[in-house]
Amino acid sequence: MIGLSFVHGWRDTIFLNGTLSKRQLILAMGRASQRHWFQSQWRSLFDEPHWSRRALLAGASCMPGDARKHWYRSVEARLDPLERAVMKWARQYPFGI
């Protein structure tokens, strides 16, 4: 029973509580091409913790080309070097295409 309790606690920590879970959910939404959700997120991008922000940048690559280009241009000046690297990668390897 101790092992099962640990597994449930670990699952709850990963999938319900932390930044890690939010990051994973954001990436899954990008892989599932949830374009409309990403289009609504650009205004709140900088309210997110760094890893969730990076997931949003990667996941937003599922948006149509014109929307994606505009979205990335509108936030690029405020990104840190790692976020810019994520954006560059996402431009080269967009989700959902």
N, C-alpha and C. Protein backbone atom coordinates (compact mmCIF):
# COMPACT_ATOMS: atom_id res chain seq x y z
N MET A 1 0.80 -1.20 0.00
CA MET A 1 0.00 0.00 0.00
C MET A 1 0.84 1.27 0.00
N ILE A 2 2.01 1.23 0.60
CA ILE A 2 2.86 2.42 0.63
C ILE A 2 3.25 2.83 -0.79
N GLY A 3 3.59 1.84 -1.60
CA GLY A 3 3.96 2.13 -2.99
C GLY A 3 2.83 2.77 -3.77
N LEU A 4 1.62 2.25 -3.60
CA LEU A 4 0.46 2.81 -4.30
C LEU A 4 0.18 4.24 -3.86
N SER A 5 0.31 4.49 -2.57
CA SER A 5 0.12 5.84 -2.06
C SER A 5 1.13 6.80 -2.66
N PHE A 6 2.37 6.36 -2.76
CA PHE A 6 3.41 7.18 -3.36
C PHE A 6 3.09 7.49 -4.81
N VAL A 7 2.66 6.47 -5.55
CA VAL A 7 2.33 6.67 -6.97
C VAL A 7 1.20 7.67 -7.12
N HIS A 8 0.16 7.53 -6.33
CA HIS A 8 -0.96 8.48 -6.42
C HIS A 8 -0.52 9.89 -6.04
N GLY A 9 0.29 10.01 -5.01
CA GLY A 9 0.80 11.33 -4.62
C GLY A 9 1.65 11.94 -5.70
N TRP A 10 2.50 11.16 -6.31
CA TRP A 10 3.37 11.63 -7.39
C TRP A 10 2.52 12.06 -8.59
N ARG A 11 1.52 11.22 -8.94
CA ARG A 11 0.65 11.55 -10.06
C ARG A 11 -0.08 12.86 -9.81
N ASP A 12 -0.59 13.04 -8.61
CA ASP A 12 -1.31 14.27 -8.28
C ASP A 12 -0.38 15.47 -8.36
N THR A 13 0.84 15.32 -7.92
CA THR A 13 1.80 16.42 -7.99
C THR A 13 2.09 16.79 -9.43
N ILE A 14 2.32 15.80 -10.26
CA ILE A 14 2.66 16.07 -11.67
C ILE A 14 1.47 16.59 -12.45
N PHE A 15 0.33 15.97 -12.31
CA PHE A 15 -0.79 16.27 -13.19
C PHE A 15 -1.77 17.31 -12.66
N LEU A 16 -1.73 17.65 -11.39
CA LEU A 16 -2.72 18.57 -10.88
C LEU A 16 -2.16 19.86 -10.31
N ASN A 17 -0.95 19.86 -9.79
CA ASN A 17 -0.53 21.00 -8.99
C ASN A 17 0.52 21.90 -9.62
N GLY A 18 1.61 21.38 -10.11
CA GLY A 18 2.78 22.19 -10.37
C GLY A 18 2.89 22.77 -11.76
N THR A 19 3.94 23.56 -11.92
CA THR A 19 4.26 24.15 -13.21
C THR A 19 4.53 23.07 -14.24
N LEU A 20 5.15 21.98 -13.82
CA LEU A 20 5.43 20.89 -14.74
C LEU A 20 4.15 20.40 -15.39
N SER A 21 3.09 20.25 -14.64
CA SER A 21 1.85 19.77 -15.21
C SER A 21 1.25 20.77 -16.20
N LYS A 22 1.33 22.03 -15.87
CA LYS A 22 0.81 23.05 -16.77
C LYS A 22 1.61 23.06 -18.08
N ARG A 23 2.92 22.94 -17.96
CA ARG A 23 3.77 22.89 -19.14
C ARG A 23 3.41 21.70 -20.01
N GLN A 24 3.22 20.55 -19.40
CA GLN A 24 2.87 19.35 -20.16
C GLN A 24 1.51 19.51 -20.84
N LEU A 25 0.56 20.10 -20.15
CA LEU A 25 -0.76 20.32 -20.72
C LEU A 25 -0.69 21.28 -21.90
N ILE A 26 0.07 22.34 -21.77
CA ILE A 26 0.22 23.32 -22.85
C ILE A 26 0.83 22.66 -24.08
N LEU A 27 1.88 21.87 -23.88
CA LEU A 27 2.52 21.18 -25.01
C LEU A 27 1.55 20.19 -25.66
N ALA A 28 0.77 19.48 -24.85
CA ALA A 28 -0.21 18.54 -25.41
C ALA A 28 -1.26 19.28 -26.23
N MET A 29 -1.67 20.45 -25.78
CA MET A 29 -2.64 21.24 -26.54
C MET A 29 -2.06 21.69 -27.87
N GLY A 30 -0.78 22.02 -27.87
CA GLY A 30 -0.13 22.37 -29.13
C GLY A 30 -0.08 21.19 -30.08
N ARG A 31 0.29 20.03 -29.56
CA ARG A 31 0.34 18.81 -30.38
C ARG A 31 -1.04 18.44 -30.91
N ALA A 32 -2.08 18.80 -30.16
CA ALA A 32 -3.46 18.53 -30.57
C ALA A 32 -4.03 19.65 -31.43
N SER A 33 -3.20 20.62 -31.77
CA SER A 33 -3.59 21.75 -32.64
C SER A 33 -4.78 22.54 -32.12
N GLN A 34 -4.75 22.88 -30.85
CA GLN A 34 -5.80 23.71 -30.25
C GLN A 34 -5.52 25.19 -30.55
N ARG A 35 -5.60 25.53 -31.81
CA ARG A 35 -5.20 26.85 -32.32
C ARG A 35 -5.91 28.01 -31.61
N HIS A 36 -7.21 27.90 -31.45
CA HIS A 36 -7.98 29.01 -30.89
C HIS A 36 -7.54 29.33 -29.47
N TRP A 37 -7.21 28.31 -28.70
CA TRP A 37 -6.76 28.56 -27.33
C TRP A 37 -5.45 29.33 -27.34
N PHE A 38 -4.53 28.96 -28.20
CA PHE A 38 -3.23 29.66 -28.25
C PHE A 38 -3.41 31.10 -28.72
N GLN A 39 -4.32 31.33 -29.65
CA GLN A 39 -4.54 32.68 -30.12
C GLN A 39 -5.06 33.59 -29.01
N SER A 40 -5.69 33.02 -28.01
CA SER A 40 -6.21 33.82 -26.91
C SER A 40 -5.18 34.04 -25.79
N GLN A 41 -4.01 33.44 -25.90
CA GLN A 41 -3.04 33.47 -24.81
C GLN A 41 -1.94 34.52 -24.94
N TRP A 42 -1.80 35.18 -26.06
CA TRP A 42 -0.63 36.04 -26.25
C TRP A 42 -0.60 37.21 -25.27
N ARG A 43 -1.75 37.70 -24.86
CA ARG A 43 -1.77 38.84 -23.92
C ARG A 43 -1.29 38.45 -22.52
N SER A 44 -1.45 37.19 -22.16
CA SER A 44 -1.07 36.76 -20.82
C SER A 44 0.25 35.97 -20.80
N LEU A 45 0.95 35.95 -21.91
CA LEU A 45 2.19 35.17 -22.00
C LEU A 45 3.17 35.52 -20.88
N PHE A 46 3.35 36.79 -20.62
CA PHE A 46 4.36 37.22 -19.66
C PHE A 46 3.87 37.17 -18.21
N ASP A 47 2.65 36.72 -18.00
CA ASP A 47 2.15 36.44 -16.66
C ASP A 47 2.51 35.02 -16.22
N GLU A 48 2.97 34.22 -17.16
CA GLU A 48 3.29 32.81 -16.90
C GLU A 48 4.72 32.65 -16.37
N PRO A 49 4.96 31.60 -15.57
CA PRO A 49 6.35 31.27 -15.18
C PRO A 49 7.15 30.91 -16.43
N HIS A 50 8.46 30.98 -16.33
CA HIS A 50 9.32 30.78 -17.50
C HIS A 50 9.06 29.49 -18.27
N TRP A 51 8.94 28.35 -17.58
CA TRP A 51 8.77 27.09 -18.31
C TRP A 51 7.40 26.99 -18.97
N SER A 52 6.38 27.51 -18.35
CA SER A 52 5.06 27.54 -19.01
C SER A 52 5.09 28.47 -20.20
N ARG A 53 5.80 29.57 -20.07
CA ARG A 53 5.94 30.52 -21.18
C ARG A 53 6.63 29.86 -22.37
N ARG A 54 7.66 29.08 -22.10
CA ARG A 54 8.38 28.38 -23.18
C ARG A 54 7.48 27.34 -23.83
N ALA A 55 6.66 26.68 -23.04
CA ALA A 55 5.70 25.72 -23.60
C ALA A 55 4.68 26.44 -24.48
N LEU A 56 4.23 27.61 -24.05
CA LEU A 56 3.30 28.39 -24.87
C LEU A 56 3.93 28.79 -26.20
N LEU A 57 5.19 29.16 -26.16
CA LEU A 57 5.87 29.54 -27.40
C LEU A 57 5.96 28.35 -28.35
N ALA A 58 6.28 27.18 -27.83
CA ALA A 58 6.36 25.99 -28.67
C ALA A 58 4.97 25.58 -29.15
N GLY A 59 4.02 25.53 -28.24
CA GLY A 59 2.67 25.11 -28.60
C GLY A 59 1.98 26.03 -29.58
N ALA A 60 2.30 27.32 -29.51
CA ALA A 60 1.68 28.29 -30.42
C ALA A 60 2.06 28.04 -31.87
N SER A 61 3.05 27.21 -32.09
CA SER A 61 3.44 26.90 -33.47
C SER A 61 2.36 26.13 -34.20
N CYS A 62 1.32 25.65 -33.49
CA CYS A 62 0.22 24.96 -34.15
C CYS A 62 -0.73 25.93 -34.86
N MET A 63 -0.59 27.22 -34.57
CA MET A 63 -1.49 28.21 -35.18
C MET A 63 -1.20 28.34 -36.67
N PRO A 64 -2.16 28.82 -37.44
CA PRO A 64 -1.92 29.06 -38.87
C PRO A 64 -0.73 30.01 -39.06
N GLY A 65 -0.03 29.86 -40.16
CA GLY A 65 1.20 30.59 -40.41
C GLY A 65 1.15 32.09 -40.18
N ASP A 66 0.14 32.76 -40.69
CA ASP A 66 0.05 34.22 -40.52
C ASP A 66 -0.16 34.61 -39.07
N ALA A 67 -1.05 33.91 -38.39
CA ALA A 67 -1.32 34.21 -36.98
C ALA A 67 -0.08 33.93 -36.14
N ARG A 68 0.58 32.82 -36.43
CA ARG A 68 1.80 32.44 -35.70
C ARG A 68 2.89 33.50 -35.89
N LYS A 69 3.08 33.94 -37.11
CA LYS A 69 4.10 34.94 -37.40
C LYS A 69 3.83 36.24 -36.64
N HIS A 70 2.59 36.68 -36.67
CA HIS A 70 2.21 37.91 -35.96
C HIS A 70 2.41 37.74 -34.45
N TRP A 71 1.97 36.60 -33.92
CA TRP A 71 2.06 36.32 -32.48
C TRP A 71 3.51 36.35 -32.04
N TYR A 72 4.38 35.65 -32.77
CA TYR A 72 5.80 35.62 -32.40
C TYR A 72 6.44 37.01 -32.50
N ARG A 73 6.13 37.74 -33.55
CA ARG A 73 6.70 39.10 -33.68
C ARG A 73 6.28 40.01 -32.54
N SER A 74 5.04 39.86 -32.09
CA SER A 74 4.52 40.75 -31.05
C SER A 74 5.17 40.52 -29.69
N VAL A 75 5.74 39.34 -29.47
CA VAL A 75 6.34 39.04 -28.16
C VAL A 75 7.86 38.94 -28.19
N GLU A 76 8.44 38.84 -29.34
CA GLU A 76 9.87 38.54 -29.48
C GLU A 76 10.80 39.48 -28.71
N ALA A 77 10.53 40.76 -28.72
CA ALA A 77 11.43 41.73 -28.08
C ALA A 77 11.55 41.53 -26.57
N ARG A 78 10.55 40.90 -25.96
CA ARG A 78 10.54 40.72 -24.50
C ARG A 78 11.04 39.35 -24.05
N LEU A 79 11.44 38.50 -24.96
CA LEU A 79 11.84 37.13 -24.62
C LEU A 79 13.28 37.07 -24.14
N ASP A 80 13.56 36.14 -23.23
CA ASP A 80 14.94 35.91 -22.82
C ASP A 80 15.61 35.01 -23.86
N PRO A 81 16.93 34.81 -23.79
CA PRO A 81 17.64 34.03 -24.82
C PRO A 81 17.10 32.60 -25.00
N LEU A 82 16.75 31.92 -23.92
CA LEU A 82 16.23 30.56 -24.05
C LEU A 82 14.86 30.56 -24.71
N GLU A 83 14.04 31.53 -24.36
CA GLU A 83 12.72 31.65 -24.99
C GLU A 83 12.85 31.95 -26.48
N ARG A 84 13.82 32.75 -26.85
CA ARG A 84 14.06 33.01 -28.28
C ARG A 84 14.50 31.74 -28.99
N ALA A 85 15.31 30.93 -28.32
CA ALA A 85 15.74 29.66 -28.91
C ALA A 85 14.55 28.72 -29.09
N VAL A 86 13.64 28.69 -28.12
CA VAL A 86 12.43 27.87 -28.24
C VAL A 86 11.59 28.36 -29.42
N MET A 87 11.45 29.66 -29.54
CA MET A 87 10.67 30.22 -30.64
C MET A 87 11.31 29.89 -31.99
N LYS A 88 12.61 29.99 -32.06
CA LYS A 88 13.32 29.66 -33.31
C LYS A 88 13.09 28.19 -33.67
N TRP A 89 13.20 27.31 -32.66
CA TRP A 89 12.95 25.89 -32.90
C TRP A 89 11.52 25.66 -33.36
N ALA A 90 10.57 26.32 -32.69
CA ALA A 90 9.15 26.15 -33.04
C ALA A 90 8.85 26.65 -34.45
N ARG A 91 9.53 27.68 -34.87
CA ARG A 91 9.34 28.16 -36.25
C ARG A 91 9.82 27.11 -37.26
N GLN A 92 10.89 26.43 -36.92
CA GLN A 92 11.45 25.42 -37.83
C GLN A 92 10.66 24.12 -37.80
N TYR A 93 10.10 23.77 -36.64
CA TYR A 93 9.41 22.51 -36.46
C TYR A 93 8.03 22.72 -35.83
N PRO A 94 7.12 23.39 -36.52
CA PRO A 94 5.82 23.71 -35.92
C PRO A 94 4.99 22.47 -35.62
N PHE A 95 4.20 22.56 -34.56
CA PHE A 95 3.29 21.48 -34.17
C PHE A 95 2.12 21.45 -35.15
N GLY A 96 1.57 20.29 -35.34
CA GLY A 96 0.32 20.16 -36.09
C GLY A 96 0.46 20.30 -37.59
N ILE A 97 1.67 20.28 -38.09
CA ILE A 97 1.83 20.41 -39.55
C ILE A 97 2.45 19.16 -40.11
